[in-house]
C-alpha atoms as a PDB file:
ATOM      1  CA  MET A   1      87.759 -12.889 158.494  1.00  0.00           C
ATOM      2  CA  ASP A   2      89.338 -11.015 155.576  1.00  0.00           C
ATOM      3  CA  LEU A   3      86.731  -8.861 153.885  1.00  0.00           C
ATOM      4  CA  GLY A   4      88.816  -8.791 150.741  1.00  0.00           C
ATOM      5  CA  THR A   5      88.438 -12.557 150.259  1.00  0.00           C
ATOM      6  CA  GLN A   6      84.836 -13.052 151.313  1.00  0.00           C
ATOM      7  CA  PRO A   7      82.990 -15.145 148.696  1.00  0.00           C
ATOM      8  CA  ASP A   8      79.627 -13.597 149.647  1.00  0.00           C
ATOM      9  CA  ALA A   9      80.193 -10.231 151.259  1.00  0.00           C
ATOM     10  CA  ALA A  10      76.469  -9.465 150.975  1.00  0.00           C
ATOM     11  CA  ARG A  11      75.830 -11.836 153.860  1.00  0.00           C
ATOM     12  CA  LEU A  12      78.002  -9.826 156.189  1.00  0.00           C
ATOM     13  CA  ARG A  13      75.942  -7.569 158.432  1.00  0.00           C
ATOM     14  CA  TRP A  14      76.252  -5.031 161.199  1.00  0.00           C
ATOM     15  CA  LEU A  15      74.720  -5.973 164.538  1.00  0.00           C
ATOM     16  CA  PRO A  16      74.288  -3.795 167.641  1.00  0.00           C
ATOM     17  CA  ASP A  17      76.223  -4.718 170.763  1.00  0.00           C
ATOM     18  CA  GLN A  18      73.455  -4.682 173.360  1.00  0.00           C
ATOM     19  CA  SER A  19      75.878  -5.131 176.270  1.00  0.00           C
ATOM     20  CA  VAL A  20      77.030  -1.477 176.208  1.00  0.00           C
ATOM     21  CA  ARG A  21      75.796   0.377 179.290  1.00  0.00           C
ATOM     22  CA  THR A  22      76.313   4.037 178.468  1.00  0.00           C
ATOM     23  CA  GLY A  23      74.332   6.720 176.717  1.00  0.00           C
ATOM     24  CA  GLN A  24      77.383   8.881 176.119  1.00  0.00           C
ATOM     25  CA  THR A  25      78.564   9.602 172.591  1.00  0.00           C
ATOM     26  CA  LEU A  26      81.494   7.357 171.674  1.00  0.00           C
ATOM     27  CA  ARG A  27      84.110   9.020 169.488  1.00  0.00           C
ATOM     28  CA  ALA A  28      86.810   6.403 168.864  1.00  0.00           C
ATOM     29  CA  ILE A  29      87.334   2.651 168.865  1.00  0.00           C
ATOM     30  CA  VAL A  30      90.810   1.162 169.148  1.00  0.00           C
ATOM     31  CA  THR A  31      91.899  -2.471 169.112  1.00  0.00           C
ATOM     32  CA  SER A  32      95.037  -4.483 169.705  1.00  0.00           C
ATOM     33  CA  SER A  33      95.692  -8.211 169.486  1.00  0.00           C
ATOM     34  CA  SER A  34      93.949  -8.793 172.800  1.00  0.00           C
ATOM     35  CA  GLN A  35      92.080  -5.619 173.808  1.00  0.00           C
ATOM     36  CA  VAL A  36      89.277  -3.410 172.504  1.00  0.00           C
ATOM     37  CA  PHE A  37      88.557   0.072 173.886  1.00  0.00           C
ATOM     38  CA  ALA A  38      85.866   2.629 173.060  1.00  0.00           C
ATOM     39  CA  ILE A  39      86.276   6.215 174.265  1.00  0.00           C
ATOM     40  CA  GLY A  40      83.969   9.207 174.254  1.00  0.00           C
ATOM     41  CA  HIS A  41      82.314  12.103 176.008  1.00  0.00           C
ATOM     42  CA  GLN A  42      82.490  12.831 179.730  1.00  0.00           C
ATOM     43  CA  GLY A  43      85.698  10.821 180.088  1.00  0.00           C
ATOM     44  CA  THR A  44      84.019   7.598 178.958  1.00  0.00           C
ATOM     45  CA  ILE A  45      86.479   4.722 178.495  1.00  0.00           C
ATOM     46  CA  LEU A  46      85.062   1.234 177.947  1.00  0.00           C
ATOM     47  CA  ARG A  47      87.040  -1.982 177.666  1.00  0.00           C
ATOM     48  CA  ARG A  48      85.624  -5.079 176.022  1.00  0.00           C
ATOM     49  CA  SER A  49      85.701  -7.957 178.500  1.00  0.00           C
ATOM     50  CA  GLY A  50      84.138 -11.335 177.770  1.00  0.00           C
ATOM     51  CA  THR A  51      80.627 -10.676 176.513  1.00  0.00           C
ATOM     52  CA  GLY A  52      80.386  -7.139 177.918  1.00  0.00           C
ATOM     53  CA  TRP A  53      82.144  -3.844 178.497  1.00  0.00           C
ATOM     54  CA  ILE A  54      83.871  -2.567 181.643  1.00  0.00           C
ATOM     55  CA  SER A  55      84.243   1.118 182.498  1.00  0.00           C
ATOM     56  CA  GLU A  56      87.831   2.250 183.111  1.00  0.00           C
ATOM     57  CA  PRO A  57      87.929   5.905 184.188  1.00  0.00           C
ATOM     58  CA  ALA A  58      91.122   7.880 183.727  1.00  0.00           C
ATOM     59  CA  VAL A  59      92.574   9.732 186.696  1.00  0.00           C
ATOM     60  CA  ASP A  60      94.814  12.673 187.456  1.00  0.00           C
ATOM     61  CA  GLY A  61      96.163  11.807 190.868  1.00  0.00           C
ATOM     62  CA  THR A  62      93.012  11.110 192.868  1.00  0.00           C
ATOM     63  CA  LYS A  63      90.723  13.054 190.532  1.00  0.00           C
ATOM     64  CA  THR A  64      88.620  11.259 187.916  1.00  0.00           C
ATOM     65  CA  LEU A  65      88.835  12.959 184.525  1.00  0.00           C
ATOM     66  CA  THR A  66      85.548  13.850 182.828  1.00  0.00           C
ATOM     67  CA  SER A  67      86.880  15.611 179.735  1.00  0.00           C
ATOM     68  CA  ASN A  68      85.449  14.607 176.371  1.00  0.00           C
ATOM     69  CA  LEU A  69      87.805  12.172 174.644  1.00  0.00           C
ATOM     70  CA  TYR A  70      88.003  12.256 170.848  1.00  0.00           C
ATOM     71  CA  GLY A  71      90.854  10.061 169.597  1.00  0.00           C
ATOM     72  CA  ALA A  72      92.754   6.949 170.629  1.00  0.00           C
ATOM     73  CA  VAL A  73      95.574   4.657 169.529  1.00  0.00           C
ATOM     74  CA  SER A  74      97.169   1.392 170.706  1.00  0.00           C
ATOM     75  CA  VAL A  75     100.940   1.278 171.201  1.00  0.00           C
ATOM     76  CA  GLY A  76     102.099  -2.222 172.014  1.00  0.00           C
ATOM     77  CA  SER A  77     100.374  -3.117 175.267  1.00  0.00           C
ATOM     78  CA  ASP A  78      99.684   0.555 176.070  1.00  0.00           C
ATOM     79  CA  PHE A  79      96.843   2.790 174.886  1.00  0.00           C
ATOM     80  CA  TYR A  80      96.531   6.554 174.523  1.00  0.00           C
ATOM     81  CA  ALA A  81      93.492   8.809 174.296  1.00  0.00           C
ATOM     82  CA  VAL A  82      93.291  12.556 173.651  1.00  0.00           C
ATOM     83  CA  GLY A  83      90.533  15.095 174.029  1.00  0.00           C
ATOM     84  CA  GLU A  84      89.269  18.525 174.996  1.00  0.00           C
ATOM     85  CA  SER A  85      91.494  21.176 176.548  1.00  0.00           C
ATOM     86  CA  GLY A  86      94.600  19.252 175.498  1.00  0.00           C
ATOM     87  CA  VAL A  87      93.967  16.258 177.734  1.00  0.00           C
ATOM     88  CA  ILE A  88      96.185  13.205 177.097  1.00  0.00           C
ATOM     89  CA  VAL A  89      95.720   9.957 179.005  1.00  0.00           C
ATOM     90  CA  LYS A  90      97.760   6.765 178.828  1.00  0.00           C
ATOM     91  CA  ARG A  91      96.790   3.252 179.862  1.00  0.00           C
ATOM     92  CA  SER A  92      99.718   1.297 181.247  1.00  0.00           C
ATOM     93  CA  VAL A  93      99.600  -1.636 183.661  1.00  0.00           C
ATOM     94  CA  ASP A  94      95.774  -1.537 183.659  1.00  0.00           C
ATOM     95  CA  LYS A  95      95.510   2.128 184.715  1.00  0.00           C
ATOM     96  CA  TRP A  96      94.618   5.268 182.751  1.00  0.00           C
ATOM     97  CA  GLN A  97      96.564   8.304 183.912  1.00  0.00           C
ATOM     98  CA  GLN A  98      96.999  11.807 182.587  1.00  0.00           C
ATOM     99  CA  GLU A  99     100.257  12.980 181.055  1.00  0.00           C
ATOM    100  CA  GLY A 100     101.542  15.957 179.099  1.00  0.00           C
ATOM    101  CA  LYS A 101     100.146  18.473 181.581  1.00  0.00           C
ATOM    102  CA  GLU A 102     103.390  20.446 181.403  1.00  0.00           C
ATOM    103  CA  LEU A 103     102.309  21.637 177.938  1.00  0.00           C
ATOM    104  CA  ALA A 104      99.418  23.564 179.545  1.00  0.00           C
ATOM    105  CA  LEU A 105      97.302  23.231 176.413  1.00  0.00           C
ATOM    106  CA  SER A 106      93.914  24.905 176.271  1.00  0.00           C
ATOM    107  CA  THR A 107      93.052  23.722 172.755  1.00  0.00           C
ATOM    108  CA  SER A 108      91.389  20.378 172.106  1.00  0.00           C
ATOM    109  CA  LEU A 109      93.132  17.371 170.570  1.00  0.00           C
ATOM    110  CA  PHE A 110      91.110  15.241 168.160  1.00  0.00           C
ATOM    111  CA  ALA A 111      93.365  12.441 166.932  1.00  0.00           C
ATOM    112  CA  VAL A 112      96.525  10.532 167.819  1.00  0.00           C
ATOM    113  CA  THR A 113      98.615   8.038 165.869  1.00  0.00           C
ATOM    114  CA  GLU A 114     101.834   6.033 166.048  1.00  0.00           C
ATOM    115  CA  THR A 115     104.495   5.786 163.337  1.00  0.00           C
ATOM    116  CA  SER A 116     106.505   2.697 162.421  1.00  0.00           C
ATOM    117  CA  ALA A 117     109.414   4.216 164.345  1.00  0.00           C
ATOM    118  CA  GLY A 118     107.359   4.227 167.569  1.00  0.00           C
ATOM    119  CA  GLU A 119     106.764   7.976 167.656  1.00  0.00           C
ATOM    120  CA  LEU A 120     103.385   9.377 168.672  1.00  0.00           C
ATOM    121  CA  TYR A 121     101.701  12.388 167.080  1.00  0.00           C
ATOM    122  CA  ALA A 122      98.517  14.143 168.218  1.00  0.00           C
ATOM    123  CA  VAL A 123      96.684  16.939 166.405  1.00  0.00           C
ATOM    124  CA  GLY A 124      94.068  19.503 167.332  1.00  0.00           C
ATOM    125  CA  ASP A 125      92.864  23.070 167.060  1.00  0.00           C
ATOM    126  CA  ALA A 126      94.902  26.234 166.421  1.00  0.00           C
ATOM    127  CA  GLY A 127      97.648  24.461 164.472  1.00  0.00           C
ATOM    128  CA  VAL A 128      98.638  22.246 167.392  1.00  0.00           C
ATOM    129  CA  ILE A 129     100.623  19.135 166.491  1.00  0.00           C
ATOM    130  CA  LEU A 130     102.298  17.253 169.315  1.00  0.00           C
ATOM    131  CA  ARG A 131     105.119  14.738 169.016  1.00  0.00           C
ATOM    132  CA  LYS A 132     106.347  12.135 171.497  1.00  0.00           C
ATOM    133  CA  PRO A 133     109.442  10.133 170.545  1.00  0.00           C
ATOM    134  CA  MET A 134     109.785   6.626 171.888  1.00  0.00           C
ATOM    135  CA  GLY A 135     110.752   6.904 175.553  1.00  0.00           C
ATOM    136  CA  GLY A 136     110.497  10.700 175.439  1.00  0.00           C
ATOM    137  CA  ALA A 137     108.075  13.437 176.457  1.00  0.00           C
ATOM    138  CA  TRP A 138     105.341  15.274 174.567  1.00  0.00           C
ATOM    139  CA  THR A 139     106.460  18.477 172.810  1.00  0.00           C
ATOM    140  CA  LYS A 140     104.915  20.804 170.255  1.00  0.00           C
ATOM    141  CA  ASP A 141     106.029  20.041 166.708  1.00  0.00           C
ATOM    142  CA  SER A 142     106.831  23.058 164.574  1.00  0.00           C
ATOM    143  CA  VAL A 143     104.489  23.797 161.679  1.00  0.00           C
ATOM    144  CA  ASP A 144     104.665  26.078 158.674  1.00  0.00           C
ATOM    145  CA  PRO A 145     103.128  29.523 159.391  1.00  0.00           C
ATOM    146  CA  ALA A 146     100.405  28.682 156.856  1.00  0.00           C
ATOM    147  CA  LEU A 147      99.212  25.960 159.264  1.00  0.00           C
ATOM    148  CA  SER A 148      99.415  27.970 162.468  1.00  0.00           C
ATOM    149  CA  SER A 149      95.651  28.446 162.696  1.00  0.00           C
ATOM    150  CA  ALA A 150      94.597  25.107 161.179  1.00  0.00           C
ATOM    151  CA  ASP A 151      91.991  23.100 163.065  1.00  0.00           C
ATOM    152  CA  PHE A 152      93.144  19.513 162.579  1.00  0.00           C
ATOM    153  CA  ARG A 153      90.779  16.584 162.998  1.00  0.00           C
ATOM    154  CA  ALA A 154      92.744  13.514 161.873  1.00  0.00           C
ATOM    155  CA  ILE A 155      96.275  12.231 161.297  1.00  0.00           C
ATOM    156  CA  ALA A 156      97.758   9.164 159.616  1.00  0.00           C
ATOM    157  CA  PRO A 157     101.355   8.013 159.157  1.00  0.00           C
ATOM    158  CA  SER A 158     102.712   6.972 155.782  1.00  0.00           C
ATOM    159  CA  THR A 159     106.308   6.134 156.716  1.00  0.00           C
ATOM    160  CA  ALA A 160     108.462   6.859 159.739  1.00  0.00           C
ATOM    161  CA  ASP A 161     109.050  10.414 158.505  1.00  0.00           C
ATOM    162  CA  GLU A 162     105.963  11.089 156.391  1.00  0.00           C
ATOM    163  CA  LEU A 163     102.584  11.869 157.916  1.00  0.00           C
ATOM    164  CA  PHE A 164      99.370  13.501 156.753  1.00  0.00           C
ATOM    165  CA  ALA A 165      97.006  15.593 158.855  1.00  0.00           C
ATOM    166  CA  VAL A 166      93.662  16.999 157.713  1.00  0.00           C
ATOM    167  CA  GLY A 167      91.066  19.288 159.180  1.00  0.00           C
ATOM    168  CA  LEU A 168      88.450  21.969 158.825  1.00  0.00           C
ATOM    169  CA  GLY A 169      88.357  24.278 155.844  1.00  0.00           C
ATOM    170  CA  GLY A 170      89.998  21.755 153.524  1.00  0.00           C
ATOM    171  CA  VAL A 171      93.402  21.785 155.201  1.00  0.00           C
ATOM    172  CA  ILE A 172      95.773  18.983 154.189  1.00  0.00           C
ATOM    173  CA  ALA A 173      99.207  19.011 155.805  1.00  0.00           C
ATOM    174  CA  ARG A 174     102.175  16.729 155.171  1.00  0.00           C
ATOM    175  CA  ARG A 175     105.202  16.106 157.352  1.00  0.00           C
ATOM    176  CA  SER A 176     108.336  15.220 155.419  1.00  0.00           C
ATOM    177  CA  GLY A 177     111.976  15.787 156.239  1.00  0.00           C
ATOM    178  CA  GLY A 178     111.021  16.681 159.789  1.00  0.00           C
ATOM    179  CA  LYS A 179     108.813  19.605 158.729  1.00  0.00           C
ATOM    180  CA  TRP A 180     105.047  20.173 158.512  1.00  0.00           C
ATOM    181  CA  SER A 181     103.812  22.115 155.494  1.00  0.00           C
ATOM    182  CA  VAL A 182     100.724  22.417 153.323  1.00  0.00           C
ATOM    183  CA  ASP A 183     100.581  19.422 150.980  1.00  0.00           C
ATOM    184  CA  SER A 184     101.914  20.392 147.570  1.00  0.00           C
ATOM    185  CA  VAL A 185      99.687  18.079 145.510  1.00  0.00           C
ATOM    186  CA  SER A 186      96.944  20.112 143.843  1.00  0.00           C
ATOM    187  CA  ILE A 187      93.274  19.833 144.740  1.00  0.00           C
ATOM    188  CA  ASP A 188      90.232  21.357 143.048  1.00  0.00           C
ATOM    189  CA  SER A 189      88.484  24.052 145.070  1.00  0.00           C
ATOM    190  CA  ALA A 190      85.216  22.091 144.764  1.00  0.00           C
ATOM    191  CA  ASP A 191      86.867  19.195 146.580  1.00  0.00           C
ATOM    192  CA  ARG A 192      87.821  21.256 149.603  1.00  0.00           C
ATOM    193  CA  GLY A 193      85.642  21.170 152.692  1.00  0.00           C
ATOM    194  CA  ASN A 194      85.790  20.100 156.286  1.00  0.00           C
ATOM    195  CA  PHE A 195      87.911  16.940 156.380  1.00  0.00           C
ATOM    196  CA  TYR A 196      87.430  14.533 159.287  1.00  0.00           C
ATOM    197  CA  SER A 197      89.481  11.416 158.516  1.00  0.00           C
ATOM    198  CA  VAL A 198      92.637  10.340 156.695  1.00  0.00           C
ATOM    199  CA  VAL A 199      94.099   6.856 156.160  1.00  0.00           C
ATOM    200  CA  LEU A 200      96.815   5.225 154.130  1.00  0.00           C
ATOM    201  CA  THR A 201      96.668   1.932 152.269  1.00  0.00           C
ATOM    202  CA  SER A 202      99.193   0.338 149.919  1.00  0.00           C
ATOM    203  CA  ASP A 203      97.266   2.054 147.102  1.00  0.00           C
ATOM    204  CA  ALA A 204      97.054   5.686 148.212  1.00  0.00           C
ATOM    205  CA  VAL A 205      96.257   8.246 150.906  1.00  0.00           C
ATOM    206  CA  PHE A 206      92.487   8.741 151.312  1.00  0.00           C
ATOM    207  CA  VAL A 207      90.598  11.584 152.975  1.00  0.00           C
ATOM    208  CA  ALA A 208      86.911  11.771 153.938  1.00  0.00           C
ATOM    209  CA  GLY A 209      84.811  14.704 155.046  1.00  0.00           C
ATOM    210  CA  GLU A 210      81.578  16.650 155.035  1.00  0.00           C
ATOM    211  CA  TYR A 211      78.678  16.134 152.610  1.00  0.00           C
ATOM    212  CA  GLY A 212      80.076  12.937 151.158  1.00  0.00           C
ATOM    213  CA  LEU A 213      83.547  14.286 150.360  1.00  0.00           C
ATOM    214  CA  PHE A 214      85.974  11.471 149.592  1.00  0.00           C
ATOM    215  CA  ILE A 215      89.280  12.121 147.825  1.00  0.00           C
ATOM    216  CA  ARG A 216      92.316  10.072 146.838  1.00  0.00           C
ATOM    217  CA  ARG A 217      95.893  11.344 146.561  1.00  0.00           C
ATOM    218  CA  ASP A 218      97.394  10.513 143.180  1.00  0.00           C
ATOM    219  CA  ALA A 219     100.862  11.576 142.103  1.00  0.00           C
ATOM    220  CA  ASP A 220      99.643  14.723 140.358  1.00  0.00           C
ATOM    221  CA  LYS A 221      96.352  15.563 142.065  1.00  0.00           C
ATOM    222  CA  TRP A 222      93.801  14.810 144.774  1.00  0.00           C
ATOM    223  CA  ARG A 223      90.860  13.168 142.981  1.00  0.00           C
ATOM    224  CA  ARG A 224      87.302  12.741 144.165  1.00  0.00           C
ATOM    225  CA  GLU A 225      85.508   9.437 144.357  1.00  0.00           C
ATOM    226  CA  SER A 226      81.767   9.093 144.934  1.00  0.00           C
ATOM    227  CA  PRO A 227      80.777   6.435 147.475  1.00  0.00           C
ATOM    228  CA  ILE A 228      77.308   4.960 147.067  1.00  0.00           C
ATOM    229  CA  VAL A 229      74.897   6.172 149.749  1.00  0.00           C
ATOM    230  CA  GLN A 230      71.296   5.232 150.323  1.00  0.00           C
ATOM    231  CA  GLY A 231      68.387   7.474 149.351  1.00  0.00           C
ATOM    232  CA  GLY A 232      70.509  10.077 147.588  1.00  0.00           C
ATOM    233  CA  GLN A 233      71.604  11.522 150.932  1.00  0.00           C
ATOM    234  CA  SER A 234      74.829  13.471 151.477  1.00  0.00           C
ATOM    235  CA  PRO A 235      75.996  12.401 154.928  1.00  0.00           C
ATOM    236  CA  HIS A 236      79.153  13.635 156.588  1.00  0.00           C
ATOM    237  CA  PHE A 237      81.889  11.002 156.450  1.00  0.00           C
ATOM    238  CA  LEU A 238      83.553  11.020 159.874  1.00  0.00           C
ATOM    239  CA  SER A 239      85.879   8.027 159.981  1.00  0.00           C
ATOM    240  CA  LEU A 240      87.758   5.652 157.683  1.00  0.00           C
ATOM    241  CA  GLY A 241      88.903   2.141 158.570  1.00  0.00           C
ATOM    242  CA  VAL A 242      91.277  -0.133 156.644  1.00  0.00           C
ATOM    243  CA  SER A 243      90.885  -3.901 156.321  1.00  0.00           C
ATOM    244  CA  GLY A 244      93.675  -5.209 154.135  1.00  0.00           C
ATOM    245  CA  ARG A 245      93.354  -2.823 151.193  1.00  0.00           C
ATOM    246  CA  ASP A 246      89.593  -2.341 151.500  1.00  0.00           C
ATOM    247  CA  LEU A 247      88.129   0.760 153.135  1.00  0.00           C
ATOM    248  CA  THR A 248      85.088   1.268 155.335  1.00  0.00           C
ATOM    249  CA  VAL A 249      83.625   4.732 155.899  1.00  0.00           C
ATOM    250  CA  VAL A 250      81.053   5.699 158.551  1.00  0.00           C
ATOM    251  CA  GLY A 251      79.317   8.937 159.406  1.00  0.00           C
ATOM    252  CA  SER A 252      76.097  10.814 159.991  1.00  0.00           C
ATOM    253  CA  LEU A 253      72.668   9.269 159.418  1.00  0.00           C
ATOM    254  CA  GLY A 254      74.134   5.877 160.313  1.00  0.00           C
ATOM    255  CA  ILE A 255      75.907   5.657 156.951  1.00  0.00           C
ATOM    256  CA  ILE A 256      78.321   2.783 156.334  1.00  0.00           C
ATOM    257  CA  ALA A 257      79.923   2.132 152.938  1.00  0.00           C
ATOM    258  CA  ARG A 258      82.732  -0.177 151.855  1.00  0.00           C
ATOM    259  CA  ARG A 259      85.256   0.294 149.050  1.00  0.00           C
ATOM    260  CA  ASP A 260      86.678  -2.765 147.311  1.00  0.00           C
ATOM    261  CA  ALA A 261      90.363  -2.140 146.605  1.00  0.00           C
ATOM    262  CA  VAL A 262      90.447  -4.169 143.383  1.00  0.00           C
ATOM    263  CA  SER A 263      87.339  -2.836 141.645  1.00  0.00           C
ATOM    264  CA  ARG A 264      87.307   0.542 143.449  1.00  0.00           C
ATOM    265  CA  ALA A 265      83.559  -0.024 143.671  1.00  0.00           C
ATOM    266  CA  TRP A 266      81.577   1.198 146.679  1.00  0.00           C
ATOM    267  CA  THR A 267      78.835  -0.805 148.374  1.00  0.00           C
ATOM    268  CA  SER A 268      76.391   0.575 150.931  1.00  0.00           C
ATOM    269  CA  GLU A 269      75.970  -1.542 154.050  1.00  0.00           C
ATOM    270  CA  ASP A 270      72.950  -1.504 156.344  1.00  0.00           C
ATOM    271  CA  SER A 271      73.919  -0.254 159.795  1.00  0.00           C
ATOM    272  CA  GLY A 272      70.413  -0.708 161.189  1.00  0.00           C
ATOM    273  CA  THR A 273      70.544   2.767 162.722  1.00  0.00           C
ATOM    274  CA  THR A 274      70.278   6.438 161.796  1.00  0.00           C
ATOM    275  CA  VAL A 275      72.428   7.796 164.639  1.00  0.00           C
ATOM    276  CA  THR A 276      75.752   9.425 163.831  1.00  0.00           C
ATOM    277  CA  LEU A 277      78.614   6.936 163.688  1.00  0.00           C
ATOM    278  CA  SER A 278      81.830   8.632 164.778  1.00  0.00           C
ATOM    279  CA  ALA A 279      84.477   5.974 164.243  1.00  0.00           C
ATOM    280  CA  VAL A 280      85.231   2.591 162.700  1.00  0.00           C
ATOM    281  CA  SER A 281      88.055   0.211 163.581  1.00  0.00           C
ATOM    282  CA  SER A 282      90.509  -1.383 161.187  1.00  0.00           C
ATOM    283  CA  SER A 283      91.167  -4.781 162.781  1.00  0.00           C
ATOM    284  CA  GLN A 284      88.892  -7.779 162.843  1.00  0.00           C
ATOM    285  CA  PRO A 285      86.172  -7.940 163.933  1.00  0.00           C
ATOM    286  CA  ILE A 286      85.317  -4.459 162.667  1.00  0.00           C
ATOM    287  CA  TYR A 287      83.538  -2.191 165.170  1.00  0.00           C
ATOM    288  CA  ALA A 288      81.725   1.102 164.607  1.00  0.00           C
ATOM    289  CA  VAL A 289      80.782   3.458 167.448  1.00  0.00           C
ATOM    290  CA  GLY A 290      78.749   6.617 167.726  1.00  0.00           C
ATOM    291  CA  ALA A 291      76.019   8.631 169.413  1.00  0.00           C
ATOM    292  CA  GLN A 292      73.904   7.358 172.311  1.00  0.00           C
ATOM    293  CA  GLY A 293      76.531   4.754 173.228  1.00  0.00           C
ATOM    294  CA  THR A 294      76.061   2.915 169.939  1.00  0.00           C
ATOM    295  CA  VAL A 295      78.438   0.031 169.254  1.00  0.00           C
ATOM    296  CA  LEU A 296      78.035  -2.058 166.087  1.00  0.00           C
ATOM    297  CA  VAL A 297      79.962  -5.175 165.106  1.00  0.00           C
ATOM    298  CA  ARG A 298      80.366  -6.380 161.530  1.00  0.00           C
ATOM    299  CA  GLN A 299      79.694 -10.101 161.339  1.00  0.00           C
END
């Protein structure tokens, strides 16, 4: 269903998926037209199958990988996941296998995305941004010296040659003209903090982060919005999902809030839990995942 056209959105609710059989923290949820995967700590990879979930461990040769996985993306019929110590795994023909080992990364990767041109980008600690052109191999993308020590946590494409990456300490980077540099649009010092998620809609680029930080990129400035949260709490916003033009944000304390694109109004939604929610999907049905193997479905 399209959340933007629901006549009675108040009736929509989040329900726990009781079929999940893991206690591991889940860090990302990725969907395609026919598949749903949740990934997380200790190499956890779960695939939705029928009314339950099937474990699909990734391998390096004959060795099962147990690295924490933090980010994932679907690319056609393939899927990618990235994680600690630079691990990259790809699912192709029903198997998850490691790739990119030739980079010998020791830093963790936290997010991966695909552009409209079919290129893949992954970001992580110590200014690491990786690029994989369609049909090519993973290489390190060059970054401005000002970003060489940035700890990135999220990345989102705008166009084939424009991407945004955000991270700890209020870093916002933009790739344009084949180069990564600090975003030139101004931002108030009070609106800088640890940023954990970035998405693009037809309206703007949005960034979410610690203690309820939520900012929007206008032509002249990054501006703060104030999502409604329950009980006056200031949870960390860890993930943004896009449904049409509407946004959903999830984070610590089980927080879920939705932004209507037309009114720009925020509505709190009852998650039924207080555990940290690490990620939310963008396609229907909308999933949220988090600590203790939590999987919620918006119905």
